[in-house]
Amino acid sequence: MLYQVSLGIEGKDIYATLYAQKMFFLVEVKQREVFFEVIPYLDARNQSELNLQRARRQGSEDFSKWDNLFRQTFL
């Protein structure tokens, strides 16, 4: 099982495995297809930090949600 950790770039969101939380994937959903790409921990963390910065700059209502997920997953 996977859970969403962060929004990604170019329509590819970052997910982690629920049981280990150390395997990360870029997941892209197209019309009838789902693409998975395994990514390293540091890449997932970097992209998640970029998402947090973007949400903070834009004053997003979801900032606290993404911040909480970031802290639970990477800290």
N, C-alpha and C. Protein backbone atom coordinates (compact mmCIF):
# COMPACT_ATOMS: atom_id res chain seq x y z
N MET A 1 0.84 -1.17 0.00
CA MET A 1 0.00 0.00 0.00
C MET A 1 0.89 1.24 0.00
N LEU A 2 0.44 2.26 -0.70
CA LEU A 2 1.16 3.52 -0.81
C LEU A 2 0.32 4.65 -0.25
N TYR A 3 1.00 5.68 0.24
CA TYR A 3 0.29 6.89 0.62
C TYR A 3 1.03 8.09 0.04
N GLN A 4 0.27 9.13 -0.25
CA GLN A 4 0.85 10.32 -0.88
C GLN A 4 1.62 11.12 0.16
N VAL A 5 2.88 11.42 -0.19
CA VAL A 5 3.75 12.19 0.69
C VAL A 5 3.76 13.65 0.27
N SER A 6 3.72 13.89 -1.04
CA SER A 6 3.84 15.25 -1.54
C SER A 6 3.38 15.33 -2.98
N LEU A 7 2.98 16.52 -3.37
CA LEU A 7 2.77 16.78 -4.78
C LEU A 7 4.14 16.81 -5.43
N GLY A 8 4.21 16.38 -6.66
CA GLY A 8 5.48 16.40 -7.36
C GLY A 8 5.48 17.43 -8.46
N ILE A 9 6.37 17.25 -9.40
CA ILE A 9 6.44 18.14 -10.54
C ILE A 9 5.99 17.39 -11.78
N GLU A 10 5.48 18.14 -12.73
CA GLU A 10 5.04 17.58 -14.01
C GLU A 10 3.99 16.48 -13.85
N GLY A 11 3.10 16.65 -12.87
CA GLY A 11 2.01 15.70 -12.70
C GLY A 11 2.41 14.38 -12.07
N LYS A 12 3.63 14.29 -11.54
CA LYS A 12 4.10 13.08 -10.88
C LYS A 12 4.17 13.35 -9.38
N ASP A 13 3.32 12.69 -8.62
CA ASP A 13 3.28 12.89 -7.18
C ASP A 13 4.18 11.88 -6.49
N ILE A 14 4.59 12.19 -5.27
CA ILE A 14 5.50 11.34 -4.51
C ILE A 14 4.69 10.52 -3.51
N TYR A 15 4.93 9.22 -3.54
CA TYR A 15 4.28 8.28 -2.63
C TYR A 15 5.33 7.47 -1.90
N ALA A 16 4.97 6.97 -0.72
CA ALA A 16 5.84 6.10 0.05
C ALA A 16 5.08 4.83 0.39
N THR A 17 5.83 3.78 0.68
CA THR A 17 5.18 2.55 1.11
C THR A 17 4.68 2.74 2.53
N LEU A 18 3.52 2.23 2.82
CA LEU A 18 2.91 2.40 4.12
C LEU A 18 3.65 1.61 5.20
N TYR A 19 4.11 0.44 4.86
CA TYR A 19 4.72 -0.42 5.88
C TYR A 19 6.16 -0.09 6.20
N ALA A 20 6.94 0.43 5.26
CA ALA A 20 8.35 0.68 5.53
C ALA A 20 8.67 2.17 5.57
N GLN A 21 7.98 2.97 4.81
CA GLN A 21 8.19 4.41 4.70
C GLN A 21 9.62 4.75 4.31
N LYS A 22 10.30 3.85 3.64
CA LYS A 22 11.66 4.11 3.17
C LYS A 22 11.78 3.87 1.67
N MET A 23 10.72 3.43 1.04
CA MET A 23 10.70 3.26 -0.41
C MET A 23 9.78 4.33 -0.98
N PHE A 24 10.31 5.09 -1.93
CA PHE A 24 9.56 6.20 -2.48
C PHE A 24 9.38 6.03 -3.98
N PHE A 25 8.24 6.52 -4.46
CA PHE A 25 7.88 6.37 -5.86
C PHE A 25 7.35 7.69 -6.41
N LEU A 26 7.68 7.98 -7.66
CA LEU A 26 6.97 9.01 -8.41
C LEU A 26 5.85 8.28 -9.11
N VAL A 27 4.64 8.76 -8.94
CA VAL A 27 3.48 8.11 -9.53
C VAL A 27 2.79 9.10 -10.47
N GLU A 28 2.61 8.66 -11.69
CA GLU A 28 1.94 9.49 -12.69
C GLU A 28 0.70 8.74 -13.16
N VAL A 29 -0.44 9.40 -13.07
CA VAL A 29 -1.70 8.81 -13.49
C VAL A 29 -2.13 9.46 -14.80
N LYS A 30 -2.28 8.63 -15.81
CA LYS A 30 -2.80 9.10 -17.08
C LYS A 30 -4.15 8.44 -17.29
N GLN A 31 -4.78 8.68 -18.40
CA GLN A 31 -6.17 8.26 -18.60
C GLN A 31 -6.46 6.85 -18.07
N ARG A 32 -5.83 5.85 -18.57
CA ARG A 32 -6.09 4.48 -18.12
C ARG A 32 -4.82 3.76 -17.69
N GLU A 33 -3.79 4.54 -17.39
CA GLU A 33 -2.52 3.96 -17.01
C GLU A 33 -1.95 4.64 -15.77
N VAL A 34 -1.23 3.87 -15.00
CA VAL A 34 -0.52 4.41 -13.84
C VAL A 34 0.94 4.00 -13.98
N PHE A 35 1.83 4.98 -13.87
CA PHE A 35 3.26 4.73 -14.01
C PHE A 35 3.94 4.94 -12.67
N PHE A 36 4.80 3.99 -12.30
CA PHE A 36 5.55 4.04 -11.05
C PHE A 36 7.04 4.11 -11.36
N GLU A 37 7.74 4.99 -10.66
CA GLU A 37 9.18 5.10 -10.80
C GLU A 37 9.79 5.18 -9.40
N VAL A 38 10.64 4.24 -9.06
CA VAL A 38 11.30 4.25 -7.76
C VAL A 38 12.30 5.40 -7.73
N ILE A 39 12.29 6.16 -6.63
CA ILE A 39 13.25 7.26 -6.48
C ILE A 39 13.95 7.14 -5.12
N PRO A 40 15.17 7.64 -5.02
CA PRO A 40 15.90 7.60 -3.75
C PRO A 40 15.26 8.50 -2.69
N TYR A 41 15.56 8.18 -1.45
CA TYR A 41 15.06 8.93 -0.30
C TYR A 41 15.37 10.42 -0.42
N LEU A 42 16.61 10.75 -0.74
CA LEU A 42 17.01 12.17 -0.80
C LEU A 42 16.29 12.92 -1.91
N ASP A 43 16.02 12.27 -3.03
CA ASP A 43 15.25 12.91 -4.11
C ASP A 43 13.82 13.18 -3.66
N ALA A 44 13.23 12.21 -2.97
CA ALA A 44 11.86 12.38 -2.47
C ALA A 44 11.81 13.52 -1.45
N ARG A 45 12.79 13.55 -0.58
CA ARG A 45 12.82 14.62 0.42
C ARG A 45 13.01 15.98 -0.23
N ASN A 46 13.91 16.07 -1.19
CA ASN A 46 14.16 17.34 -1.88
C ASN A 46 12.90 17.83 -2.58
N GLN A 47 12.23 16.97 -3.31
CA GLN A 47 11.01 17.39 -4.02
C GLN A 47 9.91 17.75 -3.03
N SER A 48 9.84 17.07 -1.90
CA SER A 48 8.85 17.41 -0.88
C SER A 48 9.13 18.78 -0.28
N GLU A 49 10.41 19.09 -0.06
CA GLU A 49 10.78 20.41 0.45
C GLU A 49 10.41 21.51 -0.54
N LEU A 50 10.63 21.24 -1.83
CA LEU A 50 10.25 22.22 -2.86
C LEU A 50 8.74 22.45 -2.86
N ASN A 51 7.98 21.38 -2.67
CA ASN A 51 6.52 21.50 -2.60
C ASN A 51 6.11 22.34 -1.39
N LEU A 52 6.77 22.14 -0.25
CA LEU A 52 6.47 22.94 0.94
C LEU A 52 6.76 24.42 0.71
N GLN A 53 7.90 24.71 0.10
CA GLN A 53 8.26 26.10 -0.19
C GLN A 53 7.23 26.75 -1.12
N ARG A 54 6.82 26.00 -2.14
CA ARG A 54 5.83 26.51 -3.10
C ARG A 54 4.49 26.77 -2.39
N ALA A 55 4.06 25.84 -1.53
CA ALA A 55 2.80 26.00 -0.81
C ALA A 55 2.86 27.19 0.15
N ARG A 56 4.00 27.39 0.78
CA ARG A 56 4.17 28.51 1.71
C ARG A 56 4.10 29.84 0.96
N ARG A 57 4.81 29.92 -0.18
CA ARG A 57 4.82 31.16 -0.97
C ARG A 57 3.42 31.51 -1.47
N GLN A 58 2.67 30.49 -1.88
CA GLN A 58 1.35 30.72 -2.45
C GLN A 58 0.27 30.89 -1.38
N GLY A 59 0.64 30.70 -0.13
CA GLY A 59 -0.35 30.81 0.94
C GLY A 59 -1.40 29.73 0.86
N SER A 60 -1.01 28.55 0.44
CA SER A 60 -1.93 27.44 0.23
C SER A 60 -2.60 27.01 1.54
N GLU A 61 -3.88 26.70 1.44
CA GLU A 61 -4.62 26.18 2.60
C GLU A 61 -4.10 24.80 3.00
N ASP A 62 -3.46 24.10 2.06
CA ASP A 62 -2.96 22.75 2.32
C ASP A 62 -1.56 22.74 2.92
N PHE A 63 -0.98 23.92 3.18
CA PHE A 63 0.39 23.96 3.68
C PHE A 63 0.55 23.14 4.95
N SER A 64 -0.35 23.27 5.91
CA SER A 64 -0.20 22.55 7.19
C SER A 64 -0.28 21.04 6.96
N LYS A 65 -1.11 20.61 6.02
CA LYS A 65 -1.21 19.18 5.70
C LYS A 65 0.12 18.66 5.16
N TRP A 66 0.71 19.38 4.18
CA TRP A 66 1.97 18.96 3.59
C TRP A 66 3.11 19.05 4.60
N ASP A 67 3.09 20.07 5.45
CA ASP A 67 4.12 20.22 6.47
C ASP A 67 4.07 19.06 7.46
N ASN A 68 2.88 18.69 7.87
CA ASN A 68 2.71 17.57 8.79
C ASN A 68 3.20 16.27 8.16
N LEU A 69 2.82 16.02 6.91
CA LEU A 69 3.29 14.81 6.23
C LEU A 69 4.80 14.80 6.08
N PHE A 70 5.39 15.95 5.77
CA PHE A 70 6.84 16.04 5.64
C PHE A 70 7.52 15.67 6.95
N ARG A 71 7.03 16.25 8.03
CA ARG A 71 7.64 15.97 9.34
C ARG A 71 7.50 14.50 9.73
N GLN A 72 6.35 13.90 9.48
CA GLN A 72 6.13 12.50 9.82
C GLN A 72 7.01 11.57 8.97
N THR A 73 7.26 11.95 7.74
CA THR A 73 7.96 11.07 6.82
C THR A 73 9.47 11.25 6.86
N PHE A 74 9.94 12.49 6.94
CA PHE A 74 11.37 12.74 6.77
C PHE A 74 12.11 13.19 8.01
N LEU A 75 11.42 13.56 9.08
CA LEU A 75 12.12 14.01 10.30
C LEU A 75 11.98 13.01 11.42
